[in-house]
Amino acid sequence: MLGWVITCHDEQAQEMLIKLEARFGPLAQCRAVNYWQGLSTNMLSRMMCDAPA
C-alpha cells in the first residue's frame, strides 16, 4: 500500500498530520513518526518499519 510517513522532531509530525487531515479529511495511508534529539539510528529505523502497521 502506498502512503506517506511524516517524520519530525518532538511532536511536529503529529501536528502536521492533524493539519493535513483538517484540510483534506482522513488520511488512512498517512502515518506520523515523532522522534527526539539523540535517538539512535537503530531505534529510528525500527520506528519507521513499524509506521505502516
Protein backbone atom coordinates (compact mmCIF):
# COMPACT_ATOMS: atom_id res chain seq x y z
CA MET A 1 0.00 0.00 0.00
CA LEU A 2 1.38 3.39 -0.93
CA GLY A 3 1.30 6.16 1.62
CA TRP A 4 3.22 8.85 3.45
CA VAL A 5 5.29 8.67 6.61
CA ILE A 6 5.89 12.09 8.16
CA THR A 7 8.93 12.22 10.45
CA CYS A 8 9.88 15.20 12.63
CA HIS A 9 11.50 16.04 15.94
CA ASP A 10 9.33 16.22 19.04
CA GLU A 11 5.58 16.34 18.27
CA GLN A 12 5.82 18.20 14.96
CA ALA A 13 4.98 15.18 12.79
CA GLN A 14 1.70 14.58 14.62
CA GLU A 15 0.85 18.29 14.44
CA MET A 16 1.48 18.29 10.69
CA LEU A 17 -0.72 15.22 10.22
CA ILE A 18 -3.54 16.86 12.19
CA LYS A 19 -3.34 19.96 9.98
CA LEU A 20 -3.35 17.86 6.80
CA GLU A 21 -6.38 15.89 7.98
CA ALA A 22 -8.20 19.11 8.88
CA ARG A 23 -7.65 20.38 5.35
CA PHE A 24 -8.08 17.19 3.29
CA GLY A 25 -10.08 14.86 5.54
CA PRO A 26 -8.98 11.47 6.91
CA LEU A 27 -5.66 10.23 5.53
CA ALA A 28 -5.72 6.49 6.19
CA GLN A 29 -2.43 5.95 4.34
CA CYS A 30 -0.50 8.61 6.25
CA ARG A 31 1.44 7.98 9.47
CA ALA A 32 3.31 10.33 11.80
CA VAL A 33 6.57 9.30 13.46
CA ASN A 34 7.80 11.68 16.16
CA TYR A 35 11.35 11.23 17.39
CA TRP A 36 13.52 13.08 19.86
CA GLN A 37 17.02 14.51 19.78
CA GLY A 38 19.70 11.89 20.39
CA LEU A 39 17.60 8.95 19.21
CA SER A 40 19.81 6.22 17.79
CA THR A 41 19.57 5.44 14.09
CA ASN A 42 18.76 1.85 15.01
CA MET A 43 15.72 2.89 17.04
CA LEU A 44 14.57 5.35 14.35
CA SER A 45 14.87 2.56 11.79
CA ARG A 46 12.65 0.34 13.94
CA MET A 47 10.10 3.12 14.34
CA MET A 48 10.00 3.64 10.57
CA CYS A 49 9.48 -0.09 9.97
CA ASP A 50 6.55 -0.08 12.40
CA ALA A 51 4.94 3.01 10.81
CA PRO A 52 2.91 1.20 8.11
CA ALA A 53 1.42 -1.20 10.67
